[in-house]
Amino acid sequence: MKALAYEKAHPLEAFALELREVDEPQLRETDLLIEVRAVGVNPGEASIRQMRSAPPGGRVILGWEFAGVVAKAGNGFAVGDRVMGTGDITRDGCWAERLAVDYRVVTRIPDRLSFTDAASLPIGGLTAWEALFRDRSELPPGVENVLVVGGAGGVGSLGTQLLKAKTSALVISTASRPESREWCTAMGADLVVDHSADVAGQLRTAGVERIDLVLSTKGTAANINWLADVLKPFGHLATTDLASSTDIEPLIQKSISVHTEMVFSSVIADHNLHRQGAVLAELVEHARPIVTTELHGLTVDSMREAHRLAESGRTIGKTVITV
């Protein structure tokens, strides 16, 4: 089969992915074989491309957000079932014609969704769900308002939608450009503030004295002082990008609970995988697609453009490549 692969980690200007012939995926007992029809492209995958090299004589196939068709029956799925899901960061990804994936991180696609639309949901939706709700289906006790930092990105967009669909919380998003502010409002945010300005002052002007929970999807380390400022004592910070070097002293002074999130934790630890499939099934009932850029064909050119957008830091919604 054909797949986009590379050997050595590299920057965007030396983009080295090639469309090459590779072996068919080998199925494990809990795997499905999927014919890939669309893939979502994420900033995290662009970061991995810059850091991960293949072992000697090997190659790397990235991509862990897909929609496609079951090609081999098994594990409760039939040939021809339309499905979407994530995958396993330690295995070959979906930038290929076919993918082996654990059935527990897959769900069926409703007829109303195209493959392209479905591929925009899994990674952002699962990340937002686990960051906000952890292993529950509701927010921590006492949370009445939530601030979503980076509300126009994939995680922020779907986190806002989940909050509005599943909770009664006041949802505040951050965005610094007119088009991203407009997008956050369209996702359901009750209030949008500019994270490049005085966030605490903007919140006070809007009548919000303290935030109960922050979902931070970008810039957590750089923002740590104003995040600590706006959070209430004993509040919650859920973050998808907390660096090991982050100085959390400002949070400690207010006894803030810090919740880190990495969407592949359940897969790597083989912990409660069925829950991820169940979350995806609920996600398609609560969230609408967030495709803003659709590229065509699993080609070097389309993937290079997707990575350029991902690395720009200015992407709204999700970039999807239709295969």
Protein backbone atom coordinates (compact mmCIF):
# COMPACT_ATOMS: atom_id res chain seq x y z
CA MET A 1 0.00 0.00 0.00
CA LYS A 2 1.02 3.65 -0.29
CA ALA A 3 1.80 5.87 2.69
CA LEU A 4 3.41 9.22 3.44
CA ALA A 5 6.57 8.42 5.37
CA TYR A 6 9.94 9.87 6.32
CA GLU A 7 13.15 8.69 8.01
CA LYS A 8 14.77 11.58 9.88
CA ALA A 9 13.19 14.32 11.98
CA HIS A 10 13.19 17.59 10.10
CA PRO A 11 11.87 21.18 10.03
CA LEU A 12 9.16 22.40 7.68
CA GLU A 13 11.61 24.07 5.30
CA ALA A 14 13.28 20.68 4.73
CA PHE A 15 9.98 18.80 4.40
CA ALA A 16 10.98 15.20 3.73
CA LEU A 17 7.76 13.17 3.65
CA GLU A 18 7.56 10.91 0.60
CA LEU A 19 4.70 8.87 -0.83
CA ARG A 20 6.15 5.37 -0.87
CA GLU A 21 5.17 1.71 -0.98
CA VAL A 22 5.09 0.11 2.48
CA ASP A 23 3.97 -3.24 3.88
CA GLU A 24 0.33 -3.81 4.71
CA PRO A 25 -0.42 -3.29 8.43
CA GLN A 26 -0.29 -6.37 10.64
CA LEU A 27 -3.46 -6.81 12.70
CA ARG A 28 -3.54 -7.60 16.40
CA GLU A 29 -6.41 -9.49 18.01
CA THR A 30 -8.21 -6.27 18.97
CA ASP A 31 -7.55 -4.45 15.68
CA LEU A 32 -9.70 -3.33 12.81
CA LEU A 33 -8.37 -2.83 9.28
CA ILE A 34 -9.51 0.56 7.99
CA GLU A 35 -9.46 1.98 4.47
CA VAL A 36 -8.64 5.62 5.17
CA ARG A 37 -10.89 8.23 3.51
CA ALA A 38 -9.96 11.41 5.40
CA VAL A 39 -7.40 12.54 7.99
CA GLY A 40 -7.32 15.45 10.39
CA VAL A 41 -3.94 17.13 10.78
CA ASN A 42 -2.86 18.40 14.19
CA PRO A 43 -0.09 20.68 15.52
CA GLY A 44 1.12 17.81 17.69
CA GLU A 45 1.89 15.73 14.62
CA ALA A 46 3.93 18.56 13.13
CA SER A 47 5.88 18.72 16.40
CA ILE A 48 6.53 14.97 16.30
CA ARG A 49 7.81 15.30 12.73
CA GLN A 50 10.39 17.77 14.01
CA MET A 51 11.55 15.49 16.85
CA ARG A 52 11.03 11.81 16.00
CA SER A 53 13.36 9.91 13.69
CA ALA A 54 12.96 6.32 12.55
CA PRO A 55 15.27 3.58 13.86
CA PRO A 56 18.04 2.56 11.46
CA GLY A 57 16.51 1.13 8.30
CA GLY A 58 13.00 2.13 9.35
CA ARG A 59 10.46 4.82 8.50
CA VAL A 60 7.88 6.91 10.36
CA ILE A 61 4.20 7.10 9.36
CA LEU A 62 2.37 9.78 11.34
CA GLY A 63 -1.33 10.60 11.67
CA TRP A 64 -3.77 9.67 14.42
CA GLU A 65 -7.11 11.20 13.44
CA PHE A 66 -9.05 9.48 10.70
CA ALA A 67 -12.35 8.59 9.10
CA GLY A 68 -12.73 5.57 6.86
CA VAL A 69 -14.35 2.25 6.07
CA VAL A 70 -13.86 -1.10 7.80
CA ALA A 71 -12.09 -3.41 5.34
CA LYS A 72 -12.09 -6.59 7.44
CA ALA A 73 -14.90 -7.69 9.76
CA GLY A 74 -14.23 -8.28 13.43
CA ASN A 75 -14.65 -7.06 16.99
CA GLY A 76 -18.30 -6.16 16.45
CA PHE A 77 -17.74 -4.26 13.19
CA ALA A 78 -18.75 -5.29 9.69
CA VAL A 79 -17.05 -4.71 6.36
CA GLY A 80 -18.23 -1.38 4.99
CA ASP A 81 -18.97 0.24 8.36
CA ARG A 82 -18.14 3.96 8.26
CA VAL A 83 -15.96 4.75 11.27
CA MET A 84 -13.79 7.44 12.82
CA GLY A 85 -11.20 7.36 15.57
CA THR A 86 -7.68 8.04 16.77
CA GLY A 87 -5.03 5.36 17.08
CA ASP A 88 -1.81 4.59 18.92
CA ILE A 89 1.08 7.06 18.89
CA THR A 90 3.54 4.16 19.25
CA ARG A 91 2.32 2.52 16.01
CA ASP A 92 2.04 3.54 12.36
CA GLY A 93 -0.54 6.25 11.83
CA CYS A 94 -3.23 6.97 9.26
CA TRP A 95 -1.30 8.87 6.61
CA ALA A 96 -1.65 5.75 4.53
CA GLU A 97 -4.19 3.91 2.40
CA ARG A 98 -4.96 1.47 5.22
CA LEU A 99 -4.62 1.51 8.99
CA ALA A 100 -4.60 -1.08 11.78
CA VAL A 101 -6.33 0.38 14.84
CA ASP A 102 -7.75 -0.94 18.11
CA TYR A 103 -11.53 -1.16 17.80
CA ARG A 104 -11.96 0.36 21.26
CA VAL A 105 -10.82 3.81 20.05
CA VAL A 106 -13.22 3.77 17.09
CA THR A 107 -16.89 4.64 16.68
CA ARG A 108 -19.34 4.51 13.79
CA ILE A 109 -20.02 7.67 11.80
CA PRO A 110 -23.65 8.83 11.63
CA ASP A 111 -25.07 9.02 8.11
CA ARG A 112 -25.37 12.80 8.39
CA LEU A 113 -21.58 13.26 8.57
CA SER A 114 -19.21 13.03 5.63
CA PHE A 115 -15.80 11.41 6.05
CA THR A 116 -14.22 14.88 5.90
CA ASP A 117 -16.46 16.25 8.65
CA ALA A 118 -15.99 13.16 10.83
CA ALA A 119 -12.19 13.37 10.59
CA SER A 120 -12.28 16.82 12.23
CA LEU A 121 -13.65 15.52 15.54
CA PRO A 122 -11.73 12.68 17.28
CA ILE A 123 -8.48 14.17 18.60
CA GLY A 124 -9.84 17.57 19.61
CA GLY A 125 -13.02 16.07 21.02
CA LEU A 126 -11.30 13.38 23.11
CA THR A 127 -8.66 15.82 24.34
CA ALA A 128 -11.27 18.36 25.42
CA TRP A 129 -13.46 15.73 27.07
CA GLU A 130 -10.65 14.20 29.10
CA ALA A 131 -9.23 17.59 30.09
CA LEU A 132 -12.60 18.92 31.25
CA PHE A 133 -14.40 15.86 32.59
CA ARG A 134 -11.51 13.43 33.26
CA ASP A 135 -13.13 10.00 33.70
CA ARG A 136 -16.52 11.50 34.52
CA SER A 137 -19.27 12.96 32.37
CA GLU A 138 -19.49 16.22 34.31
CA LEU A 139 -17.30 19.05 35.54
CA PRO A 140 -15.69 19.00 39.00
CA PRO A 141 -18.07 20.06 41.79
CA GLY A 142 -18.53 23.81 42.18
CA VAL A 143 -17.46 24.76 38.65
CA GLU A 144 -19.84 27.41 37.34
CA ASN A 145 -17.65 29.17 34.79
CA VAL A 146 -14.87 27.96 32.46
CA LEU A 147 -12.24 29.90 30.54
CA VAL A 148 -11.03 28.24 27.31
CA VAL A 149 -7.62 29.59 26.28
CA GLY A 150 -7.19 29.23 22.53
CA GLY A 151 -10.88 28.88 21.83
CA ALA A 152 -10.56 28.91 18.04
CA GLY A 153 -8.29 25.85 17.78
CA GLY A 154 -9.46 22.26 17.46
CA VAL A 155 -9.48 21.44 21.19
CA GLY A 156 -10.89 24.82 22.14
CA SER A 157 -13.65 24.64 19.52
CA LEU A 158 -14.83 21.21 20.61
CA GLY A 159 -14.33 21.95 24.30
CA THR A 160 -16.63 24.96 23.97
CA GLN A 161 -19.26 22.87 22.20
CA LEU A 162 -19.10 20.12 24.83
CA LEU A 163 -19.38 22.61 27.67
CA LYS A 164 -22.47 24.21 26.14
CA ALA A 165 -24.08 20.85 25.35
CA LYS A 166 -23.37 19.02 28.61
CA THR A 167 -23.14 21.69 31.33
CA SER A 168 -24.75 24.91 32.51
CA ALA A 169 -21.39 26.66 32.93
CA LEU A 170 -20.68 30.15 31.65
CA VAL A 171 -18.17 29.56 28.84
CA ILE A 172 -15.54 32.22 28.12
CA SER A 173 -13.09 31.83 25.24
CA THR A 174 -9.92 33.71 24.40
CA ALA A 175 -9.07 34.92 20.89
CA SER A 176 -6.99 37.83 19.62
CA ARG A 177 -8.16 38.32 16.01
CA PRO A 178 -11.59 39.36 14.71
CA GLU A 179 -12.00 36.15 12.71
CA SER A 180 -11.05 33.92 15.63
CA ARG A 181 -13.33 35.88 17.98
CA GLU A 182 -16.18 35.37 15.53
CA TRP A 183 -15.42 31.64 15.37
CA CYS A 184 -15.44 31.30 19.18
CA THR A 185 -18.84 32.92 19.32
CA ALA A 186 -20.10 30.57 16.61
CA MET A 187 -18.87 27.62 18.70
CA GLY A 188 -21.11 28.82 21.52
CA ALA A 189 -18.88 30.95 23.78
CA ASP A 190 -20.89 33.27 26.03
CA LEU A 191 -18.03 35.78 26.17
CA VAL A 192 -14.77 36.19 24.22
CA VAL A 193 -11.74 38.03 25.65
CA ASP A 194 -8.39 38.90 24.08
CA HIS A 195 -5.53 36.82 25.53
CA SER A 196 -2.97 39.31 24.18
CA ALA A 197 -4.36 42.02 26.46
CA ASP A 198 -5.31 42.28 30.15
CA VAL A 199 -7.48 39.20 30.60
CA ALA A 200 -8.25 39.82 34.27
CA GLY A 201 -9.35 43.38 33.50
CA GLN A 202 -11.57 42.26 30.62
CA LEU A 203 -13.20 39.65 32.85
CA ARG A 204 -13.87 42.17 35.62
CA THR A 205 -15.41 44.58 33.10
CA ALA A 206 -17.73 41.76 32.04
CA GLY A 207 -18.68 41.10 35.67
CA VAL A 208 -16.60 37.92 36.10
CA GLU A 209 -14.46 38.20 39.24
CA ARG A 210 -12.87 34.74 39.32
CA ILE A 211 -12.67 31.69 37.04
CA ASP A 212 -13.45 28.23 38.42
CA LEU A 213 -11.72 26.17 35.72
CA VAL A 214 -9.34 27.02 32.87
CA LEU A 215 -8.87 24.80 29.84
CA SER A 216 -5.53 25.98 28.45
CA THR A 217 -4.70 24.67 24.98
CA LYS A 218 -1.74 26.91 24.18
CA GLY A 219 0.85 29.10 25.88
CA THR A 220 0.32 27.72 29.38
CA ALA A 221 3.88 28.36 30.56
CA ALA A 222 3.97 31.91 29.20
CA ASN A 223 0.53 32.68 30.63
CA ILE A 224 0.99 31.10 34.05
CA ASN A 225 0.94 34.40 36.00
CA TRP A 226 -2.31 35.73 34.59
CA LEU A 227 -3.86 32.25 34.72
CA ALA A 228 -3.11 32.14 38.44
CA ASP A 229 -4.49 35.66 38.77
CA VAL A 230 -7.89 34.90 37.22
CA LEU A 231 -8.39 31.47 38.85
CA LYS A 232 -10.17 31.29 42.17
CA PRO A 233 -8.40 29.72 45.17
CA PHE A 234 -8.71 25.91 44.94
CA GLY A 235 -9.71 26.27 41.29
CA HIS A 236 -8.72 23.99 38.42
CA LEU A 237 -6.26 24.32 35.53
CA ALA A 238 -6.61 21.70 32.79
CA THR A 239 -3.79 21.97 30.27
CA THR A 240 -2.76 20.20 27.09
CA ASP A 241 0.72 21.79 26.78
CA LEU A 242 2.29 22.02 30.23
CA ALA A 243 6.08 21.92 29.80
CA SER A 244 8.29 20.26 32.41
CA SER A 245 10.10 23.56 32.91
CA THR A 246 6.92 25.51 33.75
CA ASP A 247 7.16 27.41 37.04
CA ILE A 248 3.90 26.59 38.82
CA GLU A 249 4.70 28.57 41.97
CA PRO A 250 1.91 31.13 41.22
CA LEU A 251 -0.59 28.24 41.15
CA ILE A 252 0.70 26.72 44.38
CA GLN A 253 0.05 29.97 46.23
CA LYS A 254 -3.67 29.54 45.48
CA SER A 255 -3.81 25.73 45.83
CA ILE A 256 -4.82 25.34 42.18
CA SER A 257 -5.37 21.75 41.02
CA VAL A 258 -3.45 21.07 37.80
CA HIS A 259 -4.83 18.47 35.38
CA THR A 260 -2.58 17.47 32.49
CA GLU A 261 -3.99 15.83 29.37
CA MET A 262 -2.47 13.70 26.62
CA VAL A 263 -5.01 11.95 24.45
CA PHE A 264 -2.96 8.76 23.98
CA SER A 265 -2.50 8.02 27.70
CA SER A 266 -5.26 5.41 27.74
CA VAL A 267 -3.79 3.64 24.69
CA ILE A 268 -0.20 3.66 25.94
CA ALA A 269 -1.26 2.37 29.38
CA ASP A 270 -3.98 0.08 27.94
CA HIS A 271 -6.32 1.65 30.47
CA ASN A 272 -10.10 1.82 30.02
CA LEU A 273 -9.92 2.01 26.22
CA HIS A 274 -13.61 1.28 25.79
CA ARG A 275 -14.33 4.65 27.39
CA GLN A 276 -12.62 6.45 24.52
CA GLY A 277 -14.84 4.73 21.98
CA ALA A 278 -17.88 5.60 24.10
CA VAL A 279 -16.78 9.25 24.33
CA LEU A 280 -16.41 9.41 20.53
CA ALA A 281 -19.91 7.99 20.14
CA GLU A 282 -21.28 10.70 22.45
CA LEU A 283 -19.15 13.37 20.81
CA VAL A 284 -20.85 12.96 17.43
CA GLU A 285 -24.19 13.58 19.14
CA HIS A 286 -23.09 16.81 20.84
CA ALA A 287 -20.55 18.45 18.52
CA ARG A 288 -20.69 19.72 14.99
CA PRO A 289 -17.73 19.46 12.59
CA ILE A 290 -15.00 22.09 12.72
CA VAL A 291 -13.46 21.78 9.24
CA THR A 292 -12.23 25.15 7.99
CA THR A 293 -9.63 23.99 5.45
CA GLU A 294 -10.09 20.95 3.21
CA LEU A 295 -7.15 19.70 1.18
CA HIS A 296 -7.40 16.93 -1.41
CA GLY A 297 -5.30 13.83 -1.89
CA LEU A 298 -2.77 12.04 0.28
CA THR A 299 0.12 13.81 -1.43
CA VAL A 300 3.34 15.46 -0.35
CA ASP A 301 2.01 18.86 -1.43
CA SER A 302 -1.24 18.61 0.53
CA MET A 303 0.53 17.38 3.66
CA ARG A 304 3.18 20.10 3.43
CA GLU A 305 0.43 22.72 3.26
CA ALA A 306 -1.36 21.14 6.22
CA HIS A 307 1.87 21.28 8.25
CA ARG A 308 2.48 24.88 7.23
CA LEU A 309 -0.94 25.80 8.57
CA ALA A 310 -0.44 23.77 11.75
CA GLU A 311 2.88 25.45 12.49
CA SER A 312 1.56 28.94 11.81
CA GLY A 313 -0.17 29.02 15.20
CA ARG A 314 -3.06 30.89 13.60
CA THR A 315 -5.27 28.02 12.48
CA ILE A 316 -8.98 28.28 13.17
CA GLY A 317 -10.91 25.01 13.47
CA LYS A 318 -9.35 22.01 11.74
CA THR A 319 -7.47 21.19 8.56
CA VAL A 320 -8.62 17.91 6.97
CA ILE A 321 -7.16 16.05 4.01
CA THR A 322 -9.66 14.05 2.00
CA VAL A 323 -7.94 10.93 0.69
